C-alpha cells in the first residue's frame, strides 16, 4: 500500500511546517511588492478573501475530522465484535469431545494471539501482511476441523452452533480488513494541505495591510 499513510509522520510534519513558512514569506513579499497600488482601497477585499479561504479550510478540516472519527469508531466496534466472536467460539468448543475441543481451542488461542499487534520495533505494514497470512492459515485449519467434526457429530445443533460462530469470526476478519483499508482518501489530505498553504500565503499577503517597515515576515 503505497500511500501517504506509510510516510514517516515526523518527516511529513517537518515538510509541511517548512512549506508553511515558505508560503507565508512568499505571500508577505508579494504583498510588499504591491503595497503601493491603492492598498487602502483594496484592504477590505484582501481581508474578505482571507476570511473566505480560512473558512473553506476550517470547513474541510471539520469534514475530514468527521470522516476520520466515524472510521475510528467503526474499527473499534469491529475489534470488540471480533473479540466477542472468538470468545463465543471458545466457549462452544467446550461442548465438543475432549480431542476435538482441544484441537479447535488451541487453534482459536493461536488465532487470538495473531490478532494482537506484535512488537512496536517491527514495521507495522510487515506485521499486518504476516498476520493476514497466518490468520488465513488458522482460519482454514479450525474451519476444516470443525467441519470434519460436524459431519460425524450425531447432534447437528451443537456442530451447527460452532460452525456459525466460526463463520462469524472469519467474516469479522474480512470486515476489519476492509475497515483498515478505508482511510480518509489521500486526495482529501493533499487538498487540505494545498488549501492550508494557500491560506498561509494569503495571511502573509494581507499582513502587509497591518504591518510596515519590515522586508521579511520573520525578520523582526
N, C-alpha and C. Protein backbone atom coordinates (compact mmCIF):
# COMPACT_ATOMS: atom_id res chain seq x y z
N UNK A 1 0.84 -1.20 0.00
CA UNK A 1 0.00 0.00 0.00
C UNK A 1 0.88 1.25 0.00
N UNK A 2 1.16 1.72 -1.18
CA UNK A 2 1.96 2.93 -1.28
C UNK A 2 1.02 4.12 -1.13
N UNK A 3 1.07 4.79 -0.04
CA UNK A 3 0.21 5.94 0.18
C UNK A 3 0.84 6.87 1.18
N UNK A 4 0.17 7.99 1.40
CA UNK A 4 0.67 8.98 2.35
C UNK A 4 0.68 8.42 3.76
N UNK A 5 -0.14 7.39 4.02
CA UNK A 5 -0.23 6.83 5.36
C UNK A 5 1.00 6.00 5.73
N UNK A 6 1.81 5.65 4.74
CA UNK A 6 3.03 4.90 5.03
C UNK A 6 4.22 5.81 5.28
N UNK A 7 4.08 7.10 5.03
CA UNK A 7 5.19 8.04 5.19
C UNK A 7 5.48 8.26 6.67
N UNK A 8 6.70 8.66 6.96
CA UNK A 8 7.10 8.97 8.33
C UNK A 8 6.41 10.24 8.80
N UNK A 9 5.71 10.15 9.95
CA UNK A 9 4.92 11.29 10.43
C UNK A 9 5.79 12.50 10.74
N UNK A 10 6.97 12.26 11.33
CA UNK A 10 7.85 13.37 11.67
C UNK A 10 8.33 14.09 10.41
N UNK A 11 8.70 13.32 9.39
CA UNK A 11 9.18 13.92 8.14
C UNK A 11 8.07 14.71 7.45
N UNK A 12 6.86 14.15 7.46
CA UNK A 12 5.73 14.84 6.83
C UNK A 12 5.42 16.14 7.57
N UNK A 13 5.40 16.08 8.91
CA UNK A 13 5.13 17.29 9.69
C UNK A 13 6.18 18.36 9.49
N UNK A 14 7.45 17.94 9.43
CA UNK A 14 8.53 18.90 9.22
C UNK A 14 8.44 19.53 7.83
N UNK A 15 8.10 18.72 6.82
CA UNK A 15 7.98 19.25 5.46
C UNK A 15 6.82 20.24 5.36
N UNK A 16 5.69 19.92 6.01
CA UNK A 16 4.55 20.83 5.97
C UNK A 16 4.88 22.13 6.68
N UNK A 17 5.57 22.05 7.83
CA UNK A 17 5.96 23.26 8.55
C UNK A 17 6.87 24.13 7.69
N UNK A 18 7.84 23.51 7.01
CA UNK A 18 8.75 24.26 6.15
C UNK A 18 7.99 24.92 5.00
N UNK A 19 7.06 24.19 4.39
CA UNK A 19 6.28 24.75 3.30
C UNK A 19 5.39 25.90 3.76
N UNK A 20 4.87 25.80 4.99
CA UNK A 20 4.04 26.88 5.52
C UNK A 20 4.86 28.14 5.74
N UNK A 21 6.10 27.98 6.26
CA UNK A 21 6.97 29.13 6.44
C UNK A 21 7.28 29.78 5.09
N UNK A 22 7.59 28.97 4.09
CA UNK A 22 7.89 29.49 2.75
C UNK A 22 6.68 30.18 2.16
N UNK A 23 5.49 29.57 2.32
CA UNK A 23 4.27 30.17 1.77
C UNK A 23 3.97 31.50 2.44
N UNK A 24 4.14 31.57 3.76
CA UNK A 24 3.87 32.82 4.48
C UNK A 24 4.84 33.92 4.03
N UNK A 25 6.11 33.59 3.92
CA UNK A 25 7.11 34.57 3.50
C UNK A 25 6.87 35.02 2.06
N UNK A 26 6.47 34.06 1.20
CA UNK A 26 6.17 34.41 -0.19
C UNK A 26 4.99 35.36 -0.28
N UNK A 27 3.93 35.06 0.48
CA UNK A 27 2.77 35.96 0.49
C UNK A 27 3.11 37.34 1.01
N UNK A 28 3.94 37.39 2.05
CA UNK A 28 4.33 38.69 2.62
C UNK A 28 5.12 39.51 1.60
N UNK A 29 6.05 38.88 0.90
CA UNK A 29 6.86 39.61 -0.07
C UNK A 29 6.02 40.07 -1.26
N UNK A 30 5.08 39.23 -1.70
CA UNK A 30 4.18 39.65 -2.77
C UNK A 30 3.32 40.82 -2.32
N UNK A 31 2.90 40.80 -1.06
CA UNK A 31 2.11 41.91 -0.54
C UNK A 31 2.90 43.21 -0.49
N UNK A 32 4.17 43.13 -0.11
CA UNK A 32 5.01 44.33 -0.06
C UNK A 32 5.26 44.88 -1.46
N UNK A 33 5.36 43.95 -2.43
CA UNK A 33 5.63 44.40 -3.80
C UNK A 33 4.46 45.20 -4.36
N UNK A 34 3.24 44.84 -3.94
CA UNK A 34 2.06 45.56 -4.44
C UNK A 34 1.52 46.54 -3.40
N UNK A 35 2.34 46.86 -2.39
CA UNK A 35 1.85 47.70 -1.30
C UNK A 35 1.49 49.10 -1.77
N UNK A 36 2.14 49.59 -2.80
CA UNK A 36 1.88 50.95 -3.23
C UNK A 36 0.71 51.10 -4.18
N UNK A 37 0.05 50.01 -4.53
CA UNK A 37 -1.02 50.04 -5.52
C UNK A 37 -2.38 50.11 -4.84
N UNK A 38 -2.73 51.26 -4.38
CA UNK A 38 -4.05 51.53 -3.77
C UNK A 38 -4.37 50.51 -2.69
N UNK A 39 -3.44 50.36 -1.75
CA UNK A 39 -3.64 49.34 -0.73
C UNK A 39 -4.80 49.65 0.19
N UNK A 40 -5.09 50.93 0.40
CA UNK A 40 -6.20 51.29 1.28
C UNK A 40 -7.53 50.87 0.67
N UNK A 41 -7.69 51.07 -0.64
CA UNK A 41 -8.95 50.69 -1.29
C UNK A 41 -9.10 49.17 -1.37
N UNK A 42 -7.97 48.46 -1.48
CA UNK A 42 -8.05 47.00 -1.64
C UNK A 42 -8.01 46.26 -0.31
N UNK A 43 -7.80 46.98 0.80
CA UNK A 43 -7.63 46.31 2.09
C UNK A 43 -8.84 45.47 2.45
N UNK A 44 -10.04 45.99 2.28
CA UNK A 44 -11.24 45.24 2.65
C UNK A 44 -11.41 44.00 1.78
N UNK A 45 -11.03 44.12 0.48
CA UNK A 45 -11.14 42.97 -0.40
C UNK A 45 -10.16 41.87 0.01
N UNK A 46 -8.94 42.29 0.35
CA UNK A 46 -7.95 41.31 0.79
C UNK A 46 -8.41 40.57 2.04
N UNK A 47 -8.96 41.32 2.98
CA UNK A 47 -9.42 40.69 4.22
C UNK A 47 -10.61 39.77 3.97
N UNK A 48 -11.45 40.13 3.00
CA UNK A 48 -12.58 39.25 2.65
C UNK A 48 -12.08 37.94 2.07
N UNK A 49 -11.08 38.03 1.18
CA UNK A 49 -10.50 36.82 0.61
C UNK A 49 -9.85 35.97 1.70
N UNK A 50 -9.16 36.61 2.61
CA UNK A 50 -8.52 35.90 3.72
C UNK A 50 -9.55 35.16 4.56
N UNK A 51 -10.62 35.85 4.92
CA UNK A 51 -11.67 35.22 5.73
C UNK A 51 -12.32 34.06 4.99
N UNK A 52 -12.52 34.23 3.67
CA UNK A 52 -13.16 33.18 2.89
C UNK A 52 -12.33 31.92 2.80
N UNK A 53 -11.04 32.08 2.52
CA UNK A 53 -10.20 30.89 2.37
C UNK A 53 -9.96 30.20 3.71
N UNK A 54 -9.88 30.98 4.79
CA UNK A 54 -9.76 30.37 6.12
C UNK A 54 -11.05 29.63 6.49
N UNK A 55 -12.18 30.17 6.05
CA UNK A 55 -13.45 29.48 6.29
C UNK A 55 -13.53 28.16 5.54
N UNK A 56 -13.05 28.16 4.28
CA UNK A 56 -13.03 26.91 3.50
C UNK A 56 -12.10 25.89 4.15
N UNK A 57 -10.95 26.36 4.64
CA UNK A 57 -10.01 25.46 5.31
C UNK A 57 -10.64 24.86 6.56
N UNK A 58 -11.31 25.69 7.35
CA UNK A 58 -11.97 25.18 8.55
C UNK A 58 -13.06 24.18 8.22
N UNK A 59 -13.82 24.43 7.16
CA UNK A 59 -14.88 23.51 6.74
C UNK A 59 -14.29 22.17 6.31
N UNK A 60 -13.22 22.22 5.52
CA UNK A 60 -12.58 20.99 5.07
C UNK A 60 -12.01 20.19 6.25
N UNK A 61 -11.40 20.89 7.19
CA UNK A 61 -10.87 20.19 8.37
C UNK A 61 -11.99 19.55 9.18
N UNK A 62 -13.11 20.25 9.31
CA UNK A 62 -14.24 19.70 10.06
C UNK A 62 -14.78 18.44 9.41
N UNK A 63 -14.97 18.46 8.08
CA UNK A 63 -15.47 17.28 7.37
C UNK A 63 -14.47 16.12 7.47
N UNK A 64 -13.19 16.43 7.36
CA UNK A 64 -12.17 15.38 7.42
C UNK A 64 -12.11 14.74 8.80
N UNK A 65 -12.22 15.56 9.85
CA UNK A 65 -12.23 15.02 11.20
C UNK A 65 -13.45 14.13 11.42
N UNK A 66 -14.60 14.53 10.86
CA UNK A 66 -15.80 13.71 10.99
C UNK A 66 -15.62 12.37 10.28
N UNK A 67 -15.01 12.39 9.08
CA UNK A 67 -14.75 11.15 8.35
C UNK A 67 -13.80 10.24 9.14
N UNK A 68 -12.73 10.83 9.67
CA UNK A 68 -11.75 10.03 10.42
C UNK A 68 -12.37 9.46 11.70
N UNK A 69 -13.18 10.26 12.39
CA UNK A 69 -13.78 9.80 13.64
C UNK A 69 -14.74 8.65 13.40
N UNK A 70 -15.55 8.74 12.33
CA UNK A 70 -16.50 7.66 12.04
C UNK A 70 -15.77 6.37 11.71
N UNK A 71 -14.66 6.46 10.98
CA UNK A 71 -13.87 5.27 10.67
C UNK A 71 -13.23 4.68 11.92
N UNK A 72 -12.75 5.54 12.81
CA UNK A 72 -12.16 5.07 14.05
C UNK A 72 -13.19 4.32 14.90
N UNK A 73 -14.40 4.88 14.99
CA UNK A 73 -15.44 4.23 15.78
C UNK A 73 -15.83 2.88 15.18
N UNK A 74 -15.89 2.80 13.84
CA UNK A 74 -16.22 1.53 13.19
C UNK A 74 -15.16 0.48 13.49
N UNK A 75 -13.90 0.85 13.40
CA UNK A 75 -12.82 -0.10 13.67
C UNK A 75 -12.84 -0.56 15.12
N UNK A 76 -13.14 0.36 16.03
CA UNK A 76 -13.20 -0.01 17.45
C UNK A 76 -14.34 -0.99 17.70
N UNK A 77 -15.49 -0.77 17.08
CA UNK A 77 -16.62 -1.68 17.24
C UNK A 77 -16.31 -3.05 16.64
N UNK A 78 -15.61 -3.09 15.51
CA UNK A 78 -15.28 -4.37 14.89
C UNK A 78 -14.29 -5.16 15.74
N UNK A 79 -13.36 -4.47 16.39
CA UNK A 79 -12.42 -5.15 17.29
C UNK A 79 -13.19 -5.80 18.44
N UNK A 80 -14.15 -5.07 19.01
CA UNK A 80 -14.95 -5.61 20.10
C UNK A 80 -15.79 -6.79 19.64
N UNK A 81 -16.41 -6.67 18.48
CA UNK A 81 -17.23 -7.76 17.96
C UNK A 81 -16.39 -9.00 17.66
N UNK A 82 -15.19 -8.79 17.12
CA UNK A 82 -14.33 -9.94 16.83
C UNK A 82 -13.89 -10.64 18.12
N UNK A 83 -13.55 -9.86 19.14
CA UNK A 83 -13.17 -10.44 20.42
C UNK A 83 -14.32 -11.25 21.01
N UNK A 84 -15.54 -10.72 20.91
CA UNK A 84 -16.71 -11.44 21.42
C UNK A 84 -16.95 -12.72 20.62
N UNK A 85 -16.77 -12.66 19.30
CA UNK A 85 -16.98 -13.84 18.46
C UNK A 85 -15.96 -14.93 18.77
N UNK A 86 -14.71 -14.55 18.96
CA UNK A 86 -13.68 -15.54 19.31
C UNK A 86 -13.97 -16.14 20.68
N UNK A 87 -14.40 -15.30 21.63
CA UNK A 87 -14.76 -15.81 22.95
C UNK A 87 -15.93 -16.77 22.90
N UNK A 88 -16.94 -16.44 22.08
CA UNK A 88 -18.10 -17.34 21.94
C UNK A 88 -17.70 -18.68 21.33
N UNK A 89 -16.85 -18.63 20.30
CA UNK A 89 -16.38 -19.87 19.69
C UNK A 89 -15.58 -20.71 20.68
N UNK A 90 -14.79 -20.03 21.51
CA UNK A 90 -14.01 -20.75 22.54
C UNK A 90 -14.95 -21.46 23.52
N UNK A 91 -16.00 -20.81 23.93
CA UNK A 91 -16.95 -21.44 24.85
C UNK A 91 -17.66 -22.62 24.20
N UNK A 92 -17.99 -22.50 22.91
CA UNK A 92 -18.69 -23.59 22.23
C UNK A 92 -17.80 -24.81 22.04
N UNK A 93 -16.48 -24.61 21.97
CA UNK A 93 -15.59 -25.77 21.83
C UNK A 93 -15.64 -26.67 23.06
N UNK A 94 -16.05 -26.12 24.19
CA UNK A 94 -16.12 -26.91 25.42
C UNK A 94 -17.26 -27.92 25.39
N UNK A 95 -18.17 -27.77 24.43
CA UNK A 95 -19.26 -28.73 24.28
C UNK A 95 -18.84 -29.95 23.47
N UNK A 96 -17.67 -29.87 22.82
CA UNK A 96 -17.21 -30.96 21.97
C UNK A 96 -16.49 -32.02 22.80
N UNK A 97 -16.28 -33.19 22.23
CA UNK A 97 -15.44 -34.20 22.90
C UNK A 97 -14.05 -33.66 23.14
N UNK A 98 -13.34 -34.24 24.08
CA UNK A 98 -12.06 -33.68 24.56
C UNK A 98 -11.05 -33.48 23.44
N UNK A 99 -10.92 -34.47 22.55
CA UNK A 99 -9.89 -34.38 21.50
C UNK A 99 -10.19 -33.23 20.54
N UNK A 100 -11.41 -33.18 20.00
CA UNK A 100 -11.77 -32.11 19.06
C UNK A 100 -11.78 -30.75 19.76
N UNK A 101 -12.23 -30.73 21.01
CA UNK A 101 -12.28 -29.47 21.75
C UNK A 101 -10.89 -28.87 21.91
N UNK A 102 -9.90 -29.71 22.26
CA UNK A 102 -8.54 -29.20 22.46
C UNK A 102 -7.93 -28.71 21.15
N UNK A 103 -8.16 -29.44 20.06
CA UNK A 103 -7.61 -29.06 18.77
C UNK A 103 -8.11 -27.68 18.33
N UNK A 104 -9.42 -27.52 18.32
CA UNK A 104 -10.01 -26.27 17.84
C UNK A 104 -9.72 -25.13 18.81
N UNK A 105 -9.74 -25.44 20.11
CA UNK A 105 -9.46 -24.40 21.10
C UNK A 105 -8.02 -23.89 20.99
N UNK A 106 -7.07 -24.80 20.75
CA UNK A 106 -5.68 -24.38 20.57
C UNK A 106 -5.53 -23.49 19.33
N UNK A 107 -6.25 -23.83 18.27
CA UNK A 107 -6.19 -23.01 17.06
C UNK A 107 -6.80 -21.63 17.30
N UNK A 108 -7.88 -21.57 18.07
CA UNK A 108 -8.50 -20.28 18.37
C UNK A 108 -7.59 -19.41 19.25
N UNK A 109 -6.90 -20.05 20.19
CA UNK A 109 -5.96 -19.29 21.03
C UNK A 109 -4.82 -18.72 20.18
N UNK A 110 -4.30 -19.54 19.27
CA UNK A 110 -3.25 -19.06 18.37
C UNK A 110 -3.78 -17.93 17.48
N UNK A 111 -5.01 -18.08 17.04
CA UNK A 111 -5.63 -17.04 16.20
C UNK A 111 -5.77 -15.73 16.96
N UNK A 112 -6.17 -15.81 18.22
CA UNK A 112 -6.33 -14.60 19.04
C UNK A 112 -4.98 -13.91 19.24
N UNK A 113 -3.91 -14.70 19.42
CA UNK A 113 -2.59 -14.09 19.59
C UNK A 113 -2.14 -13.37 18.31
N UNK A 114 -2.49 -13.93 17.16
CA UNK A 114 -2.13 -13.29 15.89
C UNK A 114 -2.85 -11.96 15.73
N UNK A 115 -4.08 -11.89 16.25
CA UNK A 115 -4.88 -10.67 16.09
C UNK A 115 -4.36 -9.53 16.96
N UNK A 116 -3.53 -9.84 17.96
CA UNK A 116 -2.96 -8.80 18.82
C UNK A 116 -1.71 -8.26 18.14
N UNK A 117 -1.56 -6.92 18.16
CA UNK A 117 -0.44 -6.29 17.48
C UNK A 117 0.89 -6.72 18.11
N UNK A 118 1.86 -7.15 17.28
CA UNK A 118 3.16 -7.58 17.83
C UNK A 118 4.02 -6.40 18.28
N UNK A 119 5.33 -6.64 18.36
CA UNK A 119 6.24 -5.64 18.89
C UNK A 119 6.27 -4.38 18.03
N UNK A 120 6.45 -3.24 18.70
CA UNK A 120 6.48 -1.96 18.01
C UNK A 120 7.74 -1.79 17.16
N UNK A 121 8.79 -2.55 17.45
CA UNK A 121 10.05 -2.35 16.75
C UNK A 121 9.96 -2.76 15.28
N UNK A 122 9.03 -3.62 14.92
CA UNK A 122 8.89 -4.07 13.56
C UNK A 122 8.04 -3.08 12.75
N UNK A 123 8.22 -3.15 11.42
CA UNK A 123 7.43 -2.30 10.55
C UNK A 123 5.97 -2.73 10.61
N UNK A 124 5.06 -1.77 10.78
CA UNK A 124 3.66 -2.10 11.01
C UNK A 124 3.04 -2.78 9.80
N UNK A 125 3.42 -2.38 8.59
CA UNK A 125 2.83 -2.99 7.39
C UNK A 125 3.37 -4.40 7.16
N UNK A 126 4.60 -4.66 7.55
CA UNK A 126 5.12 -6.03 7.50
C UNK A 126 4.39 -6.91 8.52
N UNK A 127 4.09 -6.35 9.69
CA UNK A 127 3.34 -7.07 10.70
C UNK A 127 1.95 -7.43 10.19
N UNK A 128 1.31 -6.48 9.55
CA UNK A 128 -0.05 -6.71 9.05
C UNK A 128 -0.06 -7.79 7.98
N UNK A 129 0.91 -7.74 7.05
CA UNK A 129 0.98 -8.74 5.98
C UNK A 129 1.20 -10.13 6.55
N UNK A 130 2.11 -10.23 7.53
CA UNK A 130 2.38 -11.53 8.15
C UNK A 130 1.16 -12.03 8.93
N UNK A 131 0.50 -11.12 9.65
CA UNK A 131 -0.69 -11.51 10.42
C UNK A 131 -1.82 -11.95 9.51
N UNK A 132 -1.98 -11.32 8.35
CA UNK A 132 -3.01 -11.71 7.40
C UNK A 132 -2.78 -13.14 6.91
N UNK A 133 -1.54 -13.45 6.57
CA UNK A 133 -1.23 -14.80 6.08
C UNK A 133 -1.46 -15.85 7.16
N UNK A 134 -0.99 -15.58 8.38
CA UNK A 134 -1.16 -16.54 9.46
C UNK A 134 -2.63 -16.68 9.85
N UNK A 135 -3.37 -15.58 9.82
CA UNK A 135 -4.80 -15.63 10.13
C UNK A 135 -5.54 -16.51 9.13
N UNK A 136 -5.22 -16.35 7.84
CA UNK A 136 -5.87 -17.16 6.81
C UNK A 136 -5.56 -18.65 7.01
N UNK A 137 -4.33 -18.96 7.37
CA UNK A 137 -3.96 -20.36 7.60
C UNK A 137 -4.72 -20.95 8.78
N UNK A 138 -4.80 -20.19 9.87
CA UNK A 138 -5.52 -20.67 11.05
C UNK A 138 -7.01 -20.78 10.80
N UNK A 139 -7.56 -19.88 10.03
CA UNK A 139 -8.99 -19.97 9.69
C UNK A 139 -9.28 -21.25 8.93
N UNK A 140 -8.45 -21.55 7.93
CA UNK A 140 -8.63 -22.80 7.18
C UNK A 140 -8.52 -24.01 8.10
N UNK A 141 -7.59 -23.95 9.05
CA UNK A 141 -7.35 -25.09 9.93
C UNK A 141 -8.52 -25.33 10.87
N UNK A 142 -8.98 -24.27 11.59
CA UNK A 142 -10.06 -24.54 12.55
C UNK A 142 -11.40 -24.77 11.85
N UNK A 143 -11.58 -24.21 10.66
CA UNK A 143 -12.83 -24.49 9.94
C UNK A 143 -12.84 -25.93 9.43
N UNK A 144 -11.71 -26.42 8.92
CA UNK A 144 -11.64 -27.80 8.43
C UNK A 144 -11.90 -28.79 9.56
N UNK A 145 -11.34 -28.53 10.74
CA UNK A 145 -11.55 -29.46 11.87
C UNK A 145 -12.99 -29.40 12.36
N UNK A 146 -13.57 -28.20 12.38
CA UNK A 146 -14.96 -28.09 12.83
C UNK A 146 -15.91 -28.74 11.82
N UNK A 147 -15.63 -28.56 10.53
CA UNK A 147 -16.47 -29.18 9.51
C UNK A 147 -16.36 -30.70 9.55
N UNK A 148 -15.14 -31.20 9.77
CA UNK A 148 -14.96 -32.66 9.87
C UNK A 148 -15.71 -33.22 11.07
N UNK A 149 -15.68 -32.49 12.18
CA UNK A 149 -16.42 -32.95 13.36
C UNK A 149 -17.92 -32.90 13.10
N UNK A 150 -18.38 -31.84 12.40
CA UNK A 150 -19.81 -31.72 12.13
C UNK A 150 -20.37 -32.85 11.28
N UNK A 151 -19.54 -33.39 10.40
CA UNK A 151 -20.01 -34.48 9.54
C UNK A 151 -20.25 -35.78 10.31
N UNK A 152 -19.54 -35.95 11.42
CA UNK A 152 -19.70 -37.20 12.17
C UNK A 152 -20.44 -37.00 13.49
N UNK A 153 -20.79 -35.77 13.81
CA UNK A 153 -21.46 -35.49 15.08
C UNK A 153 -22.93 -35.89 14.97
N UNK A 154 -23.43 -36.70 15.89
CA UNK A 154 -24.85 -37.08 15.85
C UNK A 154 -25.78 -35.93 16.23
N UNK A 155 -25.23 -34.87 16.82
CA UNK A 155 -26.06 -33.72 17.21
C UNK A 155 -25.77 -32.55 16.27
N UNK A 156 -26.61 -32.34 15.23
CA UNK A 156 -26.36 -31.26 14.28
C UNK A 156 -26.47 -29.87 14.91
N UNK A 157 -27.21 -29.76 16.00
CA UNK A 157 -27.37 -28.45 16.63
C UNK A 157 -26.05 -27.98 17.21
N UNK A 158 -25.35 -28.85 17.91
CA UNK A 158 -24.08 -28.48 18.53
C UNK A 158 -23.05 -28.10 17.47
N UNK A 159 -22.92 -28.93 16.44
CA UNK A 159 -21.96 -28.63 15.37
C UNK A 159 -22.36 -27.36 14.62
N UNK A 160 -23.67 -27.19 14.41
CA UNK A 160 -24.15 -26.00 13.70
C UNK A 160 -23.84 -24.72 14.45
N UNK A 161 -24.01 -24.75 15.76
CA UNK A 161 -23.70 -23.56 16.56
C UNK A 161 -22.22 -23.22 16.48
N UNK A 162 -21.36 -24.25 16.53
CA UNK A 162 -19.93 -24.00 16.45
C UNK A 162 -19.54 -23.45 15.08
N UNK A 163 -20.08 -24.05 14.02
CA UNK A 163 -19.75 -23.60 12.68
C UNK A 163 -20.24 -22.17 12.44
N UNK A 164 -21.41 -21.85 12.98
CA UNK A 164 -21.93 -20.49 12.83
C UNK A 164 -21.03 -19.49 13.55
N UNK A 165 -20.55 -19.86 14.73
CA UNK A 165 -19.67 -18.97 15.49
C UNK A 165 -18.34 -18.78 14.77
N UNK A 166 -17.78 -19.85 14.22
CA UNK A 166 -16.52 -19.74 13.49
C UNK A 166 -16.70 -18.94 12.20
N UNK A 167 -17.84 -19.10 11.56
CA UNK A 167 -18.10 -18.31 10.35
C UNK A 167 -18.13 -16.82 10.68
N UNK A 168 -18.71 -16.47 11.82
CA UNK A 168 -18.74 -15.07 12.24
C UNK A 168 -17.33 -14.54 12.50
N UNK A 169 -16.46 -15.38 13.07
CA UNK A 169 -15.07 -14.98 13.31
C UNK A 169 -14.39 -14.66 11.98
N UNK A 170 -14.59 -15.51 10.98
CA UNK A 170 -13.96 -15.30 9.67
C UNK A 170 -14.53 -14.06 8.99
N UNK A 171 -15.83 -13.86 9.07
CA UNK A 171 -16.46 -12.69 8.45
C UNK A 171 -16.00 -11.38 9.10
N UNK A 172 -15.80 -11.40 10.40
CA UNK A 172 -15.33 -10.20 11.09
C UNK A 172 -13.89 -9.88 10.73
N UNK A 173 -13.11 -10.91 10.45
CA UNK A 173 -11.74 -10.65 9.97
C UNK A 173 -11.78 -9.90 8.65
N UNK A 174 -12.66 -10.32 7.73
CA UNK A 174 -12.78 -9.62 6.45
C UNK A 174 -13.30 -8.20 6.64
N UNK A 175 -14.25 -8.03 7.57
CA UNK A 175 -14.79 -6.69 7.83
C UNK A 175 -13.72 -5.76 8.41
N UNK A 176 -12.89 -6.29 9.32
CA UNK A 176 -11.81 -5.47 9.90
C UNK A 176 -10.79 -5.09 8.84
N UNK A 177 -10.49 -6.00 7.92
CA UNK A 177 -9.53 -5.69 6.87
C UNK A 177 -10.06 -4.59 5.94
N UNK A 178 -11.35 -4.68 5.61
CA UNK A 178 -11.95 -3.65 4.78
C UNK A 178 -11.97 -2.30 5.50
N UNK A 179 -12.27 -2.31 6.79
CA UNK A 179 -12.28 -1.07 7.56
C UNK A 179 -10.88 -0.49 7.69
N UNK A 180 -9.87 -1.36 7.79
CA UNK A 180 -8.50 -0.89 7.88
C UNK A 180 -8.08 -0.17 6.59
N UNK A 181 -8.54 -0.67 5.45
CA UNK A 181 -8.19 -0.06 4.17
C UNK A 181 -9.00 1.19 3.87
N UNK A 182 -10.10 1.37 4.59
CA UNK A 182 -10.99 2.51 4.32
C UNK A 182 -10.51 3.74 5.08
N UNK A 183 -9.40 4.32 4.64
CA UNK A 183 -8.88 5.54 5.24
C UNK A 183 -9.52 6.76 4.60
N UNK A 184 -9.29 7.91 5.22
CA UNK A 184 -9.65 9.16 4.56
C UNK A 184 -8.83 9.23 3.27
N UNK A 185 -9.44 9.46 2.12
CA UNK A 185 -8.69 9.45 0.85
C UNK A 185 -7.48 10.37 0.89
N UNK A 186 -6.37 9.87 0.33
CA UNK A 186 -5.15 10.68 0.30
C UNK A 186 -5.35 11.97 -0.47
N UNK A 187 -6.25 11.95 -1.49
CA UNK A 187 -6.52 13.16 -2.26
C UNK A 187 -7.11 14.25 -1.37
N UNK A 188 -7.94 13.85 -0.40
CA UNK A 188 -8.53 14.83 0.52
C UNK A 188 -7.45 15.43 1.41
N UNK A 189 -6.53 14.60 1.90
CA UNK A 189 -5.43 15.10 2.74
C UNK A 189 -4.57 16.09 1.94
N UNK A 190 -4.25 15.74 0.70
CA UNK A 190 -3.44 16.64 -0.12
C UNK A 190 -4.17 17.93 -0.42
N UNK A 191 -5.49 17.84 -0.65
CA UNK A 191 -6.27 19.05 -0.92
C UNK A 191 -6.27 19.98 0.29
N UNK A 192 -6.42 19.41 1.48
CA UNK A 192 -6.38 20.23 2.69
C UNK A 192 -5.01 20.88 2.85
N UNK A 193 -3.94 20.13 2.54
CA UNK A 193 -2.59 20.70 2.64
C UNK A 193 -2.42 21.87 1.67
N UNK A 194 -2.94 21.71 0.45
CA UNK A 194 -2.83 22.79 -0.53
C UNK A 194 -3.63 24.01 -0.10
N UNK A 195 -4.86 23.78 0.40
CA UNK A 195 -5.67 24.90 0.86
C UNK A 195 -5.01 25.58 2.06
N UNK A 196 -4.40 24.77 2.94
CA UNK A 196 -3.71 25.35 4.09
C UNK A 196 -2.53 26.21 3.67
N UNK A 197 -1.75 25.73 2.70
CA UNK A 197 -0.62 26.53 2.21
C UNK A 197 -1.10 27.82 1.55
N UNK A 198 -2.19 27.71 0.78
CA UNK A 198 -2.74 28.91 0.15
C UNK A 198 -3.25 29.89 1.20
N UNK A 199 -3.88 29.36 2.25
CA UNK A 199 -4.38 30.22 3.32
C UNK A 199 -3.24 30.94 4.03
N UNK A 200 -2.15 30.22 4.30
CA UNK A 200 -0.99 30.84 4.94
C UNK A 200 -0.40 31.93 4.05
N UNK A 201 -0.36 31.66 2.75
CA UNK A 201 0.16 32.66 1.82
C UNK A 201 -0.72 33.91 1.80
N UNK A 202 -2.04 33.71 1.81
CA UNK A 202 -2.96 34.85 1.81
C UNK A 202 -2.83 35.64 3.11
N UNK A 203 -2.69 34.95 4.23
CA UNK A 203 -2.50 35.64 5.51
C UNK A 203 -1.21 36.46 5.48
N UNK A 204 -0.14 35.89 4.92
CA UNK A 204 1.10 36.64 4.78
C UNK A 204 0.93 37.85 3.89
N UNK A 205 0.14 37.70 2.83
CA UNK A 205 -0.09 38.80 1.90
C UNK A 205 -0.87 39.93 2.57
N UNK A 206 -1.96 39.56 3.27
CA UNK A 206 -2.80 40.58 3.89
C UNK A 206 -2.17 41.20 5.12
N UNK A 207 -1.14 40.53 5.67
CA UNK A 207 -0.49 41.10 6.84
C UNK A 207 0.23 42.41 6.50
N UNK A 208 0.51 42.63 5.22
CA UNK A 208 1.12 43.89 4.80
C UNK A 208 0.20 45.06 5.13
N UNK A 209 -1.09 44.80 5.12
CA UNK A 209 -2.06 45.85 5.45
C UNK A 209 -1.96 46.27 6.91
N UNK A 210 -1.38 45.40 7.73
CA UNK A 210 -1.33 45.68 9.17
C UNK A 210 0.09 45.94 9.67
N UNK A 211 1.10 45.66 8.82
CA UNK A 211 2.48 45.82 9.24
C UNK A 211 3.22 46.71 8.25
N UNK A 212 4.27 47.32 8.71
CA UNK A 212 5.11 48.14 7.82
C UNK A 212 6.50 48.19 8.39
N UNK A 213 7.48 48.51 7.51
CA UNK A 213 8.86 48.73 7.96
C UNK A 213 9.72 47.51 7.98
N UNK A 214 9.18 46.31 7.63
CA UNK A 214 9.99 45.08 7.63
C UNK A 214 10.00 44.53 6.24
N UNK A 215 11.14 44.01 5.78
CA UNK A 215 11.25 43.41 4.46
C UNK A 215 11.01 41.92 4.51
N UNK A 216 10.81 41.37 5.70
CA UNK A 216 10.56 39.93 5.83
C UNK A 216 9.55 39.71 6.96
N UNK A 217 8.71 38.76 6.75
CA UNK A 217 7.70 38.40 7.74
C UNK A 217 8.36 37.90 9.02
N UNK A 218 9.56 37.32 8.90
CA UNK A 218 10.23 36.70 10.04
C UNK A 218 11.53 37.42 10.38
N UNK A 219 11.62 38.71 10.00
CA UNK A 219 12.85 39.46 10.24
C UNK A 219 12.77 40.36 11.44
N UNK A 220 11.80 40.16 12.30
CA UNK A 220 11.62 41.01 13.48
C UNK A 220 12.78 40.80 14.45
